[in-house]
Amino acid sequence: MAFGKPYSIEKNIDSEWKTVPSGEIFDSIGIMLHPGDQYKQTVDISRLGKGEYRIVKSVHADSLDLSAELTAEFVIE
């Protein structure tokens, strides 16, 4: 599996996910993950207000021509 550092944050507004502008700049590097490996990335959410959010990250499998957007939802109260 391969991916980079970029991700986006979306907020659920009226049952629709809207991208939250961040202005964040990401290093342009490729990260390779082999079966059984793990990767941890820290996301700064301190600027976000109350609401329901999700982090969106794109990944792809080089040799299989597969890609996906992975999401992780969270709530700030």
Foldseek 3Di string as FASTA:
>chain_A
DKFFDDKWKWFQDPNDTDTDDDPDDGDPDMDDDDPPDDDDDDDDPPVDDFGKMKIWTKDADVVPRDIDIDIDIDTDD
